[in-house]
Amino acid sequence: MTTRPPDDLDRRLVLATQAGLPLVPRPYDVLAEQLGISPGEVRARLADMLDNGRIRRIGAVPNHYALGYTANGMSVWDVPDERIVELGEAVGRLPGVTHCYERPRALPDWPYNLFAMVHGKDRASVLAQVEEIATLLGSACRGRDVLFSTAILKKTGLRIGSGA
């Protein structure tokens, strides 16, 4: 699709999807009916917005707690800055890692620059996954910790207003 500036229909499509797609067999058909356009136009506009970076992704956001994964640990790692991309990509490919990203250090109190979120049914399973990450990182790991969740926080992305 050719690049075009966003319009009112793009805005209405984002508003219609930002709380999630309808949980039906053909969600784009439902959106198309709501917006008065064809399902093909819904798909084309979403693809265009993805291609142009107006939206980053379309995907499922599971509720880990509802699935029985009640132990959640953010593992934090001190690795060499010059290897952060290589190591982060390797950690991010591990099956138990749901988020992996670089963050700036806050020296001297916070030496960690690589973060990897893991989920488990209990703390022991999370710690076992953290050990897998440590093994993968090997001697590149200069320090680490695990921060366990103590509360469920409502997770939402950026929301735009309806303008009403």
N, C-alpha and C. Protein backbone atom coordinates (compact mmCIF):
# COMPACT_ATOMS: atom_id res chain seq x y z
N MET A 1 0.86 -1.19 0.00
CA MET A 1 0.00 0.00 0.00
C MET A 1 0.89 1.24 0.00
N THR A 2 0.47 2.26 -0.66
CA THR A 2 1.25 3.49 -0.73
C THR A 2 1.14 4.24 0.59
N THR A 3 2.16 5.04 0.86
CA THR A 3 2.15 5.85 2.07
C THR A 3 1.17 7.00 1.89
N ARG A 4 0.33 7.19 2.87
CA ARG A 4 -0.65 8.27 2.84
C ARG A 4 -0.73 8.85 4.24
N PRO A 5 -1.09 10.09 4.35
CA PRO A 5 -1.22 10.67 5.70
C PRO A 5 -2.39 10.02 6.44
N PRO A 6 -2.29 9.94 7.76
CA PRO A 6 -3.40 9.39 8.54
C PRO A 6 -4.64 10.27 8.39
N ASP A 7 -5.81 9.64 8.44
CA ASP A 7 -7.06 10.39 8.31
C ASP A 7 -8.01 10.00 9.44
N ASP A 8 -9.22 10.54 9.37
CA ASP A 8 -10.21 10.30 10.42
C ASP A 8 -10.55 8.82 10.54
N LEU A 9 -10.58 8.10 9.43
CA LEU A 9 -10.89 6.67 9.48
C LEU A 9 -9.79 5.90 10.21
N ASP A 10 -8.52 6.28 10.00
CA ASP A 10 -7.43 5.66 10.75
C ASP A 10 -7.63 5.87 12.25
N ARG A 11 -7.98 7.09 12.62
CA ARG A 11 -8.20 7.41 14.03
C ARG A 11 -9.34 6.58 14.60
N ARG A 12 -10.43 6.47 13.86
CA ARG A 12 -11.57 5.68 14.34
C ARG A 12 -11.21 4.20 14.45
N LEU A 13 -10.37 3.70 13.53
CA LEU A 13 -9.92 2.32 13.58
C LEU A 13 -9.05 2.07 14.81
N VAL A 14 -8.15 2.99 15.09
CA VAL A 14 -7.33 2.86 16.30
C VAL A 14 -8.21 2.89 17.55
N LEU A 15 -9.14 3.82 17.61
CA LEU A 15 -10.06 3.88 18.75
C LEU A 15 -10.85 2.58 18.91
N ALA A 16 -11.26 1.99 17.80
CA ALA A 16 -12.05 0.76 17.85
C ALA A 16 -11.23 -0.45 18.27
N THR A 17 -9.91 -0.38 18.13
CA THR A 17 -9.07 -1.55 18.42
C THR A 17 -8.18 -1.39 19.66
N GLN A 18 -8.04 -0.19 20.20
CA GLN A 18 -7.05 0.01 21.26
C GLN A 18 -7.37 -0.75 22.55
N ALA A 19 -8.61 -1.12 22.77
CA ALA A 19 -8.94 -1.92 23.95
C ALA A 19 -8.89 -3.41 23.63
N GLY A 20 -8.58 -3.76 22.39
CA GLY A 20 -8.49 -5.15 21.99
C GLY A 20 -9.42 -5.46 20.85
N LEU A 21 -9.07 -6.48 20.10
CA LEU A 21 -9.93 -6.93 19.01
C LEU A 21 -11.11 -7.70 19.59
N PRO A 22 -12.24 -7.68 18.90
CA PRO A 22 -13.38 -8.48 19.36
C PRO A 22 -13.01 -9.97 19.39
N LEU A 23 -13.41 -10.68 20.43
CA LEU A 23 -13.09 -12.10 20.55
C LEU A 23 -14.14 -12.93 19.82
N VAL A 24 -14.06 -12.86 18.52
CA VAL A 24 -14.96 -13.59 17.62
C VAL A 24 -14.10 -14.21 16.52
N PRO A 25 -14.65 -15.19 15.79
CA PRO A 25 -13.85 -15.83 14.73
C PRO A 25 -13.36 -14.87 13.65
N ARG A 26 -14.10 -13.80 13.36
CA ARG A 26 -13.72 -12.88 12.29
C ARG A 26 -13.74 -11.43 12.81
N PRO A 27 -12.74 -11.07 13.63
CA PRO A 27 -12.78 -9.75 14.27
C PRO A 27 -12.73 -8.58 13.28
N TYR A 28 -12.04 -8.75 12.15
CA TYR A 28 -11.97 -7.65 11.19
C TYR A 28 -13.32 -7.39 10.54
N ASP A 29 -14.14 -8.43 10.44
CA ASP A 29 -15.50 -8.23 9.91
C ASP A 29 -16.33 -7.38 10.86
N VAL A 30 -16.18 -7.63 12.16
CA VAL A 30 -16.92 -6.85 13.16
C VAL A 30 -16.48 -5.39 13.11
N LEU A 31 -15.16 -5.17 13.04
CA LEU A 31 -14.65 -3.80 12.96
C LEU A 31 -15.14 -3.11 11.69
N ALA A 32 -15.12 -3.85 10.59
CA ALA A 32 -15.58 -3.27 9.32
C ALA A 32 -17.03 -2.82 9.42
N GLU A 33 -17.84 -3.65 10.05
CA GLU A 33 -19.26 -3.29 10.20
C GLU A 33 -19.41 -2.04 11.07
N GLN A 34 -18.64 -1.98 12.16
CA GLN A 34 -18.70 -0.82 13.05
C GLN A 34 -18.29 0.46 12.32
N LEU A 35 -17.31 0.35 11.44
CA LEU A 35 -16.75 1.53 10.78
C LEU A 35 -17.38 1.82 9.42
N GLY A 36 -18.20 0.92 8.93
CA GLY A 36 -18.84 1.13 7.64
C GLY A 36 -17.90 0.96 6.46
N ILE A 37 -16.93 0.05 6.58
CA ILE A 37 -15.99 -0.23 5.49
C ILE A 37 -15.90 -1.75 5.32
N SER A 38 -15.13 -2.19 4.36
CA SER A 38 -14.98 -3.62 4.11
C SER A 38 -13.91 -4.22 5.04
N PRO A 39 -13.98 -5.53 5.31
CA PRO A 39 -12.92 -6.18 6.09
C PRO A 39 -11.55 -6.04 5.41
N GLY A 40 -11.53 -6.06 4.09
CA GLY A 40 -10.27 -5.86 3.37
C GLY A 40 -9.66 -4.49 3.63
N GLU A 41 -10.51 -3.47 3.72
CA GLU A 41 -10.03 -2.12 4.03
C GLU A 41 -9.48 -2.06 5.46
N VAL A 42 -10.13 -2.75 6.40
CA VAL A 42 -9.61 -2.81 7.78
C VAL A 42 -8.20 -3.40 7.76
N ARG A 43 -8.04 -4.55 7.09
CA ARG A 43 -6.72 -5.20 7.04
C ARG A 43 -5.69 -4.32 6.34
N ALA A 44 -6.09 -3.70 5.23
CA ALA A 44 -5.16 -2.85 4.48
C ALA A 44 -4.71 -1.65 5.31
N ARG A 45 -5.64 -1.02 6.00
CA ARG A 45 -5.29 0.15 6.81
C ARG A 45 -4.40 -0.24 7.99
N LEU A 46 -4.70 -1.36 8.64
CA LEU A 46 -3.85 -1.81 9.73
C LEU A 46 -2.45 -2.15 9.22
N ALA A 47 -2.37 -2.81 8.07
CA ALA A 47 -1.06 -3.14 7.49
C ALA A 47 -0.29 -1.87 7.16
N ASP A 48 -0.97 -0.87 6.62
CA ASP A 48 -0.33 0.41 6.29
C ASP A 48 0.20 1.09 7.56
N MET A 49 -0.62 1.08 8.61
CA MET A 49 -0.18 1.72 9.86
C MET A 49 1.00 0.96 10.47
N LEU A 50 1.02 -0.36 10.34
CA LEU A 50 2.18 -1.14 10.81
C LEU A 50 3.42 -0.79 9.99
N ASP A 51 3.27 -0.80 8.67
CA ASP A 51 4.40 -0.52 7.78
C ASP A 51 4.99 0.87 8.01
N ASN A 52 4.13 1.84 8.34
CA ASN A 52 4.59 3.22 8.52
C ASN A 52 4.91 3.58 9.96
N GLY A 53 4.83 2.60 10.86
CA GLY A 53 5.20 2.83 12.25
C GLY A 53 4.16 3.58 13.06
N ARG A 54 2.97 3.78 12.54
CA ARG A 54 1.94 4.47 13.32
C ARG A 54 1.43 3.59 14.45
N ILE A 55 1.44 2.27 14.21
CA ILE A 55 1.20 1.30 15.28
C ILE A 55 2.38 0.33 15.24
N ARG A 56 2.73 -0.22 16.40
CA ARG A 56 3.89 -1.09 16.47
C ARG A 56 3.58 -2.55 16.26
N ARG A 57 2.42 -3.00 16.72
CA ARG A 57 2.12 -4.42 16.59
C ARG A 57 0.64 -4.67 16.82
N ILE A 58 0.22 -5.82 16.35
CA ILE A 58 -1.10 -6.36 16.64
C ILE A 58 -0.83 -7.73 17.24
N GLY A 59 -1.21 -7.95 18.47
CA GLY A 59 -0.93 -9.23 19.08
C GLY A 59 -1.74 -9.47 20.33
N ALA A 60 -1.71 -10.70 20.77
CA ALA A 60 -2.41 -11.08 22.00
C ALA A 60 -1.61 -10.64 23.22
N VAL A 61 -2.31 -10.21 24.25
CA VAL A 61 -1.70 -9.87 25.52
C VAL A 61 -2.32 -10.80 26.56
N PRO A 62 -1.64 -11.90 26.87
CA PRO A 62 -2.23 -12.86 27.80
C PRO A 62 -2.23 -12.33 29.23
N ASN A 63 -3.20 -12.78 29.98
CA ASN A 63 -3.24 -12.50 31.42
C ASN A 63 -2.52 -13.66 32.09
N HIS A 64 -1.26 -13.46 32.46
CA HIS A 64 -0.44 -14.53 33.02
C HIS A 64 -1.07 -15.13 34.28
N TYR A 65 -1.66 -14.30 35.09
CA TYR A 65 -2.28 -14.79 36.33
C TYR A 65 -3.44 -15.74 36.02
N ALA A 66 -4.28 -15.37 35.06
CA ALA A 66 -5.42 -16.22 34.70
C ALA A 66 -4.96 -17.55 34.11
N LEU A 67 -3.77 -17.57 33.52
CA LEU A 67 -3.21 -18.80 32.96
C LEU A 67 -2.45 -19.63 34.00
N GLY A 68 -2.40 -19.14 35.24
CA GLY A 68 -1.73 -19.88 36.30
C GLY A 68 -0.28 -19.51 36.53
N TYR A 69 0.22 -18.51 35.81
CA TYR A 69 1.60 -18.07 35.99
C TYR A 69 1.60 -16.90 36.98
N THR A 70 1.68 -17.25 38.26
CA THR A 70 1.53 -16.23 39.31
C THR A 70 2.85 -15.72 39.86
N ALA A 71 3.95 -16.35 39.47
CA ALA A 71 5.28 -15.85 39.87
C ALA A 71 5.87 -15.13 38.66
N ASN A 72 6.15 -13.86 38.83
CA ASN A 72 6.67 -13.05 37.73
C ASN A 72 7.94 -12.37 38.20
N GLY A 73 9.01 -12.59 37.47
CA GLY A 73 10.28 -12.02 37.89
C GLY A 73 10.95 -11.25 36.78
N MET A 74 11.31 -10.01 37.08
CA MET A 74 12.11 -9.23 36.15
C MET A 74 13.57 -9.50 36.51
N SER A 75 14.25 -10.22 35.63
CA SER A 75 15.67 -10.46 35.86
C SER A 75 16.44 -9.29 35.28
N VAL A 76 17.45 -8.85 36.02
CA VAL A 76 18.26 -7.71 35.59
C VAL A 76 19.72 -8.15 35.56
N TRP A 77 20.42 -7.69 34.53
CA TRP A 77 21.76 -8.20 34.24
C TRP A 77 22.71 -7.07 33.93
N ASP A 78 23.94 -7.22 34.41
CA ASP A 78 25.03 -6.30 34.07
C ASP A 78 25.89 -7.01 33.04
N VAL A 79 25.79 -6.56 31.79
CA VAL A 79 26.58 -7.15 30.71
C VAL A 79 27.34 -6.03 30.01
N PRO A 80 28.41 -6.36 29.29
CA PRO A 80 29.17 -5.32 28.59
C PRO A 80 28.29 -4.58 27.57
N ASP A 81 28.36 -3.27 27.60
CA ASP A 81 27.55 -2.44 26.69
C ASP A 81 27.80 -2.79 25.23
N GLU A 82 29.02 -3.12 24.88
CA GLU A 82 29.33 -3.40 23.47
C GLU A 82 28.74 -4.73 22.99
N ARG A 83 28.20 -5.54 23.93
CA ARG A 83 27.60 -6.82 23.56
C ARG A 83 26.10 -6.86 23.85
N ILE A 84 25.53 -5.74 24.24
CA ILE A 84 24.13 -5.72 24.68
C ILE A 84 23.16 -6.19 23.60
N VAL A 85 23.36 -5.80 22.35
CA VAL A 85 22.44 -6.20 21.29
C VAL A 85 22.53 -7.71 21.07
N GLU A 86 23.72 -8.22 20.92
CA GLU A 86 23.93 -9.66 20.71
C GLU A 86 23.34 -10.48 21.86
N LEU A 87 23.67 -10.09 23.10
CA LEU A 87 23.21 -10.84 24.26
C LEU A 87 21.70 -10.69 24.46
N GLY A 88 21.20 -9.48 24.27
CA GLY A 88 19.77 -9.25 24.41
C GLY A 88 18.96 -10.06 23.42
N GLU A 89 19.42 -10.14 22.18
CA GLU A 89 18.71 -10.94 21.17
C GLU A 89 18.71 -12.41 21.56
N ALA A 90 19.83 -12.92 22.08
CA ALA A 90 19.91 -14.32 22.49
C ALA A 90 18.98 -14.60 23.67
N VAL A 91 18.96 -13.71 24.65
CA VAL A 91 18.08 -13.89 25.81
C VAL A 91 16.63 -13.79 25.38
N GLY A 92 16.32 -12.83 24.52
CA GLY A 92 14.96 -12.63 24.06
C GLY A 92 14.39 -13.82 23.29
N ARG A 93 15.25 -14.65 22.73
CA ARG A 93 14.79 -15.84 22.00
C ARG A 93 14.46 -17.01 22.93
N LEU A 94 14.83 -16.94 24.19
CA LEU A 94 14.53 -18.04 25.12
C LEU A 94 13.02 -18.16 25.29
N PRO A 95 12.51 -19.38 25.36
CA PRO A 95 11.06 -19.57 25.41
C PRO A 95 10.38 -18.97 26.63
N GLY A 96 11.06 -18.87 27.76
CA GLY A 96 10.42 -18.34 28.96
C GLY A 96 10.48 -16.83 29.09
N VAL A 97 11.16 -16.15 28.19
CA VAL A 97 11.33 -14.70 28.28
C VAL A 97 10.23 -14.02 27.46
N THR A 98 9.44 -13.18 28.12
CA THR A 98 8.36 -12.48 27.41
C THR A 98 8.73 -11.06 27.03
N HIS A 99 9.65 -10.44 27.74
CA HIS A 99 10.11 -9.09 27.43
C HIS A 99 11.62 -9.10 27.64
N CYS A 100 12.35 -8.47 26.75
CA CYS A 100 13.79 -8.34 26.93
C CYS A 100 14.20 -7.02 26.30
N TYR A 101 14.88 -6.19 27.08
CA TYR A 101 15.24 -4.88 26.56
C TYR A 101 16.41 -4.28 27.33
N GLU A 102 17.00 -3.27 26.72
CA GLU A 102 18.12 -2.53 27.31
C GLU A 102 17.57 -1.33 28.05
N ARG A 103 18.19 -1.03 29.19
CA ARG A 103 17.88 0.19 29.95
C ARG A 103 19.20 0.80 30.41
N PRO A 104 19.24 2.10 30.56
CA PRO A 104 20.48 2.72 31.02
C PRO A 104 20.78 2.37 32.47
N ARG A 105 22.04 2.28 32.76
CA ARG A 105 22.49 2.06 34.14
C ARG A 105 22.27 3.34 34.93
N ALA A 106 22.19 3.21 36.26
CA ALA A 106 22.12 4.38 37.14
C ALA A 106 23.20 4.18 38.21
N LEU A 107 24.44 4.34 37.77
CA LEU A 107 25.58 4.11 38.66
C LEU A 107 25.66 5.18 39.73
N PRO A 108 26.12 4.85 40.90
CA PRO A 108 26.72 3.57 41.29
C PRO A 108 25.71 2.56 41.84
N ASP A 109 24.46 2.96 42.03
CA ASP A 109 23.50 2.10 42.72
C ASP A 109 22.87 1.03 41.84
N TRP A 110 22.78 1.26 40.56
CA TRP A 110 22.06 0.33 39.68
C TRP A 110 22.94 0.03 38.46
N PRO A 111 23.69 -1.08 38.48
CA PRO A 111 24.63 -1.39 37.40
C PRO A 111 24.02 -2.15 36.23
N TYR A 112 22.74 -2.44 36.28
CA TYR A 112 22.12 -3.35 35.31
C TYR A 112 21.68 -2.62 34.04
N ASN A 113 21.94 -3.26 32.91
CA ASN A 113 21.58 -2.67 31.62
C ASN A 113 20.74 -3.59 30.74
N LEU A 114 20.54 -4.84 31.13
CA LEU A 114 19.74 -5.78 30.36
C LEU A 114 18.63 -6.32 31.27
N PHE A 115 17.39 -6.23 30.79
CA PHE A 115 16.23 -6.66 31.57
C PHE A 115 15.51 -7.77 30.81
N ALA A 116 15.10 -8.82 31.52
CA ALA A 116 14.37 -9.93 30.89
C ALA A 116 13.28 -10.40 31.84
N MET A 117 12.03 -10.32 31.38
CA MET A 117 10.88 -10.73 32.20
C MET A 117 10.59 -12.20 31.97
N VAL A 118 10.43 -12.93 33.07
CA VAL A 118 10.06 -14.34 32.99
C VAL A 118 8.87 -14.60 33.91
N HIS A 119 8.06 -15.58 33.53
CA HIS A 119 6.86 -15.93 34.29
C HIS A 119 6.91 -17.41 34.64
N GLY A 120 6.37 -17.76 35.79
CA GLY A 120 6.31 -19.15 36.18
C GLY A 120 5.15 -19.41 37.12
N LYS A 121 4.89 -20.67 37.36
CA LYS A 121 3.80 -21.05 38.26
C LYS A 121 4.22 -20.87 39.71
N ASP A 122 5.54 -20.78 39.96
CA ASP A 122 6.05 -20.52 41.30
C ASP A 122 7.45 -19.90 41.17
N ARG A 123 7.96 -19.42 42.30
CA ARG A 123 9.28 -18.75 42.28
C ARG A 123 10.39 -19.68 41.82
N ALA A 124 10.29 -20.95 42.19
CA ALA A 124 11.34 -21.90 41.82
C ALA A 124 11.45 -22.02 40.29
N SER A 125 10.31 -22.03 39.59
CA SER A 125 10.38 -22.13 38.13
C SER A 125 10.94 -20.85 37.51
N VAL A 126 10.64 -19.72 38.10
CA VAL A 126 11.22 -18.46 37.61
C VAL A 126 12.73 -18.48 37.83
N LEU A 127 13.15 -18.89 39.01
CA LEU A 127 14.58 -18.92 39.30
C LEU A 127 15.32 -19.92 38.40
N ALA A 128 14.66 -21.02 38.03
CA ALA A 128 15.27 -21.97 37.11
C ALA A 128 15.48 -21.32 35.73
N GLN A 129 14.51 -20.53 35.29
CA GLN A 129 14.65 -19.82 34.01
C GLN A 129 15.76 -18.77 34.09
N VAL A 130 15.88 -18.12 35.23
CA VAL A 130 16.95 -17.14 35.42
C VAL A 130 18.30 -17.83 35.34
N GLU A 131 18.40 -19.03 35.86
CA GLU A 131 19.65 -19.79 35.76
C GLU A 131 19.97 -20.13 34.30
N GLU A 132 18.94 -20.41 33.50
CA GLU A 132 19.16 -20.65 32.07
C GLU A 132 19.74 -19.40 31.40
N ILE A 133 19.22 -18.25 31.77
CA ILE A 133 19.74 -16.99 31.22
C ILE A 133 21.19 -16.81 31.65
N ALA A 134 21.48 -17.08 32.92
CA ALA A 134 22.85 -16.93 33.42
C ALA A 134 23.80 -17.85 32.66
N THR A 135 23.36 -19.07 32.39
CA THR A 135 24.19 -20.02 31.64
C THR A 135 24.44 -19.49 30.23
N LEU A 136 23.39 -18.97 29.60
CA LEU A 136 23.53 -18.41 28.26
C LEU A 136 24.52 -17.23 28.25
N LEU A 137 24.40 -16.35 29.22
CA LEU A 137 25.27 -15.18 29.27
C LEU A 137 26.71 -15.54 29.63
N GLY A 138 26.87 -16.58 30.41
CA GLY A 138 28.21 -17.03 30.78
C GLY A 138 29.04 -15.94 31.42
N SER A 139 30.28 -15.83 30.97
CA SER A 139 31.21 -14.87 31.57
C SER A 139 30.86 -13.42 31.25
N ALA A 140 29.93 -13.20 30.31
CA ALA A 140 29.51 -11.83 30.01
C ALA A 140 28.68 -11.24 31.14
N CYS A 141 28.14 -12.10 32.00
CA CYS A 141 27.34 -11.63 33.14
C CYS A 141 28.26 -11.20 34.26
N ARG A 142 28.20 -9.91 34.61
CA ARG A 142 29.03 -9.37 35.68
C ARG A 142 28.25 -9.15 36.96
N GLY A 143 26.93 -9.29 36.88
CA GLY A 143 26.07 -9.12 38.05
C GLY A 143 24.64 -9.33 37.63
N ARG A 144 23.79 -9.68 38.61
CA ARG A 144 22.39 -9.93 38.30
C ARG A 144 21.54 -9.87 39.54
N ASP A 145 20.22 -9.80 39.31
CA ASP A 145 19.24 -9.85 40.40
C ASP A 145 17.91 -10.23 39.78
N VAL A 146 16.95 -10.55 40.63
CA VAL A 146 15.59 -10.83 40.18
C VAL A 146 14.64 -10.04 41.05
N LEU A 147 13.75 -9.30 40.43
CA LEU A 147 12.75 -8.52 41.13
C LEU A 147 11.40 -9.18 40.90
N PHE A 148 10.79 -9.72 41.96
CA PHE A 148 9.52 -10.41 41.83
C PHE A 148 8.36 -9.44 41.99
N SER A 149 7.31 -9.64 41.21
CA SER A 149 6.10 -8.82 41.31
C SER A 149 5.42 -9.10 42.63
N THR A 150 4.88 -8.05 43.23
CA THR A 150 4.14 -8.20 44.48
C THR A 150 2.68 -7.79 44.32
N ALA A 151 2.34 -7.23 43.17
CA ALA A 151 0.96 -6.80 42.92
C ALA A 151 0.68 -6.89 41.43
N ILE A 152 -0.58 -7.06 41.09
CA ILE A 152 -0.99 -7.05 39.70
C ILE A 152 -1.29 -5.61 39.32
N LEU A 153 -0.61 -5.14 38.30
CA LEU A 153 -0.86 -3.78 37.81
C LEU A 153 -1.60 -3.88 36.49
N LYS A 154 -2.52 -2.99 36.28
CA LYS A 154 -3.25 -2.96 35.01
C LYS A 154 -2.29 -2.51 33.93
N LYS A 155 -2.14 -3.33 32.89
CA LYS A 155 -1.22 -3.02 31.81
C LYS A 155 -2.03 -2.57 30.60
N THR A 156 -1.76 -1.36 30.15
CA THR A 156 -2.37 -0.88 28.91
C THR A 156 -1.33 -0.10 28.15
N GLY A 157 -1.52 -0.04 26.87
CA GLY A 157 -0.66 0.78 26.05
C GLY A 157 -1.18 2.20 25.99
N LEU A 158 -0.54 2.98 25.17
CA LEU A 158 -0.97 4.36 24.97
C LEU A 158 -2.40 4.37 24.43
N ARG A 159 -3.21 5.23 24.97
CA ARG A 159 -4.59 5.36 24.51
C ARG A 159 -4.79 6.76 23.96
N ILE A 160 -5.50 6.84 22.83
CA ILE A 160 -5.86 8.17 22.33
C ILE A 160 -7.30 8.42 22.71
N GLY A 161 -7.63 9.68 22.89
CA GLY A 161 -8.99 10.05 23.26
C GLY A 161 -9.90 10.04 22.06
N SER A 162 -11.19 9.97 22.35
CA SER A 162 -12.17 9.94 21.27
C SER A 162 -12.41 11.31 20.67
N GLY A 163 -11.94 12.35 21.34
CA GLY A 163 -12.12 13.71 20.84
C GLY A 163 -13.50 14.26 21.10
N ALA A 164 -14.30 13.48 21.81
CA ALA A 164 -15.67 13.91 22.09
C ALA A 164 -15.72 14.75 23.34
